[in-house]
Amino acid sequence: MTSFPTPSEPGETGVVTPDDLGWVRDHLRCPVTGTRLRERTGPDGEPELVNDSDERPLAYPISDGVPVLLPSAGRPVE
């Protein structure tokens, strides 16, 4: 069973936000190339993750704070 953190100080909600998961993003990899991903703002102004591949650069959308790391969601980057 999964347990979630509980508030330890007054005012804490116990809710985990995408900003709290920075350590997880350090471990994410592109599902196509296996390279690291870095966050940036896409051409539409929305956040996205872009791989570090010189041979096949791809960008993945971030939807409601959740990276969509499906091979079919990758958009070629110029």
N, C-alpha and C. Protein backbone atom coordinates (compact mmCIF):
# COMPACT_ATOMS: atom_id res chain seq x y z
N MET A 1 0.85 -1.17 0.00
CA MET A 1 0.00 0.00 0.00
C MET A 1 0.89 1.24 0.00
N THR A 2 0.54 2.20 -0.80
CA THR A 2 1.30 3.45 -0.88
C THR A 2 0.85 4.41 0.19
N SER A 3 1.82 5.00 0.88
CA SER A 3 1.46 6.02 1.86
C SER A 3 1.94 7.37 1.36
N PHE A 4 1.19 8.38 1.64
CA PHE A 4 1.51 9.72 1.21
C PHE A 4 1.96 10.54 2.40
N PRO A 5 2.83 11.51 2.16
CA PRO A 5 3.29 12.32 3.29
C PRO A 5 2.14 13.07 3.94
N THR A 6 2.25 13.23 5.22
CA THR A 6 1.24 13.99 5.95
C THR A 6 1.86 15.31 6.38
N PRO A 7 1.05 16.33 6.58
CA PRO A 7 1.60 17.62 6.99
C PRO A 7 2.36 17.48 8.31
N SER A 8 3.53 18.11 8.36
CA SER A 8 4.31 18.04 9.60
C SER A 8 4.39 19.38 10.30
N GLU A 9 4.00 20.43 9.61
CA GLU A 9 4.01 21.76 10.20
C GLU A 9 2.70 22.46 9.90
N PRO A 10 2.30 23.39 10.75
CA PRO A 10 1.06 24.12 10.50
C PRO A 10 1.09 24.79 9.13
N GLY A 11 0.01 24.71 8.43
CA GLY A 11 -0.10 25.35 7.13
C GLY A 11 0.27 24.44 5.97
N GLU A 12 0.91 23.31 6.23
CA GLU A 12 1.24 22.38 5.15
C GLU A 12 -0.01 21.58 4.80
N THR A 13 -0.17 21.32 3.53
CA THR A 13 -1.36 20.61 3.08
C THR A 13 -1.13 19.12 2.92
N GLY A 14 0.12 18.70 2.76
CA GLY A 14 0.39 17.30 2.51
C GLY A 14 0.23 16.93 1.05
N VAL A 15 -0.13 17.90 0.21
CA VAL A 15 -0.30 17.67 -1.21
C VAL A 15 1.04 17.84 -1.91
N VAL A 16 1.39 16.87 -2.74
CA VAL A 16 2.63 16.94 -3.50
C VAL A 16 2.34 17.65 -4.81
N THR A 17 3.11 18.70 -5.09
CA THR A 17 2.93 19.46 -6.33
C THR A 17 4.05 19.11 -7.30
N PRO A 18 3.90 19.43 -8.59
CA PRO A 18 4.97 19.16 -9.55
C PRO A 18 6.30 19.78 -9.15
N ASP A 19 6.27 20.94 -8.49
CA ASP A 19 7.51 21.59 -8.07
C ASP A 19 8.25 20.77 -7.02
N ASP A 20 7.53 19.96 -6.27
CA ASP A 20 8.14 19.11 -5.24
C ASP A 20 8.86 17.92 -5.86
N LEU A 21 8.66 17.67 -7.13
CA LEU A 21 9.18 16.46 -7.76
C LEU A 21 10.40 16.72 -8.63
N GLY A 22 11.14 17.78 -8.34
CA GLY A 22 12.33 18.08 -9.12
C GLY A 22 13.32 16.94 -9.16
N TRP A 23 13.46 16.22 -8.05
CA TRP A 23 14.39 15.09 -8.00
C TRP A 23 13.96 13.98 -8.95
N VAL A 24 12.66 13.84 -9.19
CA VAL A 24 12.18 12.82 -10.12
C VAL A 24 12.55 13.21 -11.54
N ARG A 25 12.38 14.48 -11.86
CA ARG A 25 12.69 14.93 -13.23
C ARG A 25 14.15 14.72 -13.58
N ASP A 26 15.03 14.75 -12.59
CA ASP A 26 16.45 14.49 -12.84
C ASP A 26 16.68 13.08 -13.36
N HIS A 27 15.74 12.18 -13.11
CA HIS A 27 15.90 10.79 -13.51
C HIS A 27 15.10 10.43 -14.76
N LEU A 28 14.29 11.34 -15.26
CA LEU A 28 13.49 11.06 -16.45
C LEU A 28 14.38 11.01 -17.68
N ARG A 29 14.04 10.15 -18.62
CA ARG A 29 14.78 10.02 -19.86
C ARG A 29 13.80 9.99 -21.03
N CYS A 30 14.29 10.39 -22.18
CA CYS A 30 13.49 10.34 -23.40
C CYS A 30 13.15 8.88 -23.70
N PRO A 31 11.88 8.57 -23.96
CA PRO A 31 11.51 7.18 -24.23
C PRO A 31 12.00 6.67 -25.58
N VAL A 32 12.44 7.57 -26.45
CA VAL A 32 12.92 7.18 -27.78
C VAL A 32 14.44 7.05 -27.81
N THR A 33 15.14 8.05 -27.28
CA THR A 33 16.60 8.07 -27.37
C THR A 33 17.32 7.67 -26.09
N GLY A 34 16.62 7.72 -24.96
CA GLY A 34 17.24 7.40 -23.68
C GLY A 34 18.08 8.52 -23.10
N THR A 35 18.05 9.70 -23.73
CA THR A 35 18.85 10.83 -23.26
C THR A 35 18.11 11.62 -22.19
N ARG A 36 18.87 12.45 -21.46
CA ARG A 36 18.29 13.30 -20.42
C ARG A 36 17.28 14.27 -21.02
N LEU A 37 16.40 14.77 -20.16
CA LEU A 37 15.40 15.75 -20.57
C LEU A 37 15.60 17.03 -19.78
N ARG A 38 15.39 18.16 -20.44
CA ARG A 38 15.47 19.45 -19.75
C ARG A 38 14.18 20.21 -20.03
N GLU A 39 13.79 21.01 -19.06
CA GLU A 39 12.53 21.75 -19.18
C GLU A 39 12.77 23.06 -19.92
N ARG A 40 11.80 23.42 -20.75
CA ARG A 40 11.83 24.71 -21.44
C ARG A 40 10.40 25.09 -21.81
N THR A 41 10.26 26.27 -22.35
CA THR A 41 8.96 26.74 -22.82
C THR A 41 8.87 26.47 -24.31
N GLY A 42 7.79 25.83 -24.73
CA GLY A 42 7.61 25.49 -26.13
C GLY A 42 7.14 26.67 -26.95
N PRO A 43 7.02 26.48 -28.27
CA PRO A 43 6.60 27.57 -29.16
C PRO A 43 5.20 28.10 -28.87
N ASP A 44 4.38 27.29 -28.21
CA ASP A 44 3.02 27.72 -27.87
C ASP A 44 2.95 28.36 -26.48
N GLY A 45 4.12 28.52 -25.83
CA GLY A 45 4.17 29.14 -24.51
C GLY A 45 3.95 28.17 -23.36
N GLU A 46 3.72 26.91 -23.67
CA GLU A 46 3.49 25.89 -22.66
C GLU A 46 4.80 25.20 -22.29
N PRO A 47 4.91 24.69 -21.05
CA PRO A 47 6.14 23.99 -20.67
C PRO A 47 6.25 22.65 -21.40
N GLU A 48 7.49 22.26 -21.65
CA GLU A 48 7.75 20.98 -22.28
C GLU A 48 9.12 20.48 -21.84
N LEU A 49 9.37 19.20 -22.08
CA LEU A 49 10.67 18.61 -21.82
C LEU A 49 11.31 18.28 -23.15
N VAL A 50 12.58 18.65 -23.31
CA VAL A 50 13.30 18.42 -24.55
C VAL A 50 14.48 17.51 -24.25
N ASN A 51 14.71 16.52 -25.11
CA ASN A 51 15.84 15.62 -24.88
C ASN A 51 17.14 16.29 -25.30
N ASP A 52 18.25 15.70 -24.87
CA ASP A 52 19.58 16.24 -25.18
C ASP A 52 20.22 15.57 -26.38
N SER A 53 19.43 14.98 -27.25
CA SER A 53 19.96 14.27 -28.41
C SER A 53 20.28 15.22 -29.56
N ASP A 54 21.50 15.13 -30.07
CA ASP A 54 21.87 15.92 -31.25
C ASP A 54 21.33 15.27 -32.52
N GLU A 55 21.20 13.95 -32.51
CA GLU A 55 20.77 13.21 -33.69
C GLU A 55 19.26 13.20 -33.88
N ARG A 56 18.52 13.18 -32.78
CA ARG A 56 17.05 13.11 -32.87
C ARG A 56 16.42 13.92 -31.75
N PRO A 57 16.49 15.25 -31.82
CA PRO A 57 15.90 16.09 -30.77
C PRO A 57 14.37 16.02 -30.79
N LEU A 58 13.81 15.74 -29.62
CA LEU A 58 12.36 15.63 -29.48
C LEU A 58 11.91 16.41 -28.26
N ALA A 59 10.69 16.95 -28.33
CA ALA A 59 10.09 17.68 -27.20
C ALA A 59 8.81 16.96 -26.80
N TYR A 60 8.58 16.91 -25.49
CA TYR A 60 7.40 16.25 -24.93
C TYR A 60 6.60 17.25 -24.12
N PRO A 61 5.28 17.25 -24.27
CA PRO A 61 4.45 18.21 -23.53
C PRO A 61 4.39 17.86 -22.04
N ILE A 62 4.09 18.88 -21.26
CA ILE A 62 3.81 18.70 -19.83
C ILE A 62 2.36 19.12 -19.64
N SER A 63 1.53 18.18 -19.25
CA SER A 63 0.09 18.42 -19.11
C SER A 63 -0.29 18.41 -17.63
N ASP A 64 -0.77 19.54 -17.14
CA ASP A 64 -1.14 19.68 -15.72
C ASP A 64 0.01 19.26 -14.80
N GLY A 65 1.23 19.61 -15.19
CA GLY A 65 2.40 19.31 -14.38
C GLY A 65 2.96 17.91 -14.56
N VAL A 66 2.33 17.11 -15.43
CA VAL A 66 2.77 15.74 -15.64
C VAL A 66 3.37 15.60 -17.04
N PRO A 67 4.65 15.22 -17.14
CA PRO A 67 5.26 15.02 -18.46
C PRO A 67 4.59 13.86 -19.20
N VAL A 68 4.27 14.08 -20.47
CA VAL A 68 3.67 13.05 -21.30
C VAL A 68 4.81 12.40 -22.08
N LEU A 69 5.39 11.35 -21.52
CA LEU A 69 6.57 10.72 -22.10
C LEU A 69 6.21 9.46 -22.88
N LEU A 70 5.34 9.64 -23.85
CA LEU A 70 4.98 8.56 -24.77
C LEU A 70 5.72 8.82 -26.07
N PRO A 71 6.28 7.79 -26.70
CA PRO A 71 6.98 8.01 -27.97
C PRO A 71 6.13 8.77 -28.98
N SER A 72 4.84 8.49 -29.01
CA SER A 72 3.95 9.17 -29.97
C SER A 72 3.73 10.64 -29.63
N ALA A 73 4.03 11.06 -28.40
CA ALA A 73 3.84 12.46 -27.99
C ALA A 73 5.05 13.32 -28.32
N GLY A 74 6.17 12.70 -28.69
CA GLY A 74 7.38 13.45 -29.01
C GLY A 74 7.21 14.27 -30.29
N ARG A 75 7.61 15.53 -30.21
CA ARG A 75 7.54 16.44 -31.36
C ARG A 75 8.97 16.75 -31.79
N PRO A 76 9.29 16.59 -33.08
CA PRO A 76 10.64 16.93 -33.53
C PRO A 76 10.96 18.40 -33.26
N VAL A 77 12.18 18.65 -32.81
CA VAL A 77 12.65 20.00 -32.52
C VAL A 77 13.66 20.39 -33.59
N GLU A 78 13.52 21.59 -34.09
CA GLU A 78 14.42 22.07 -35.15
C GLU A 78 15.64 22.74 -34.57
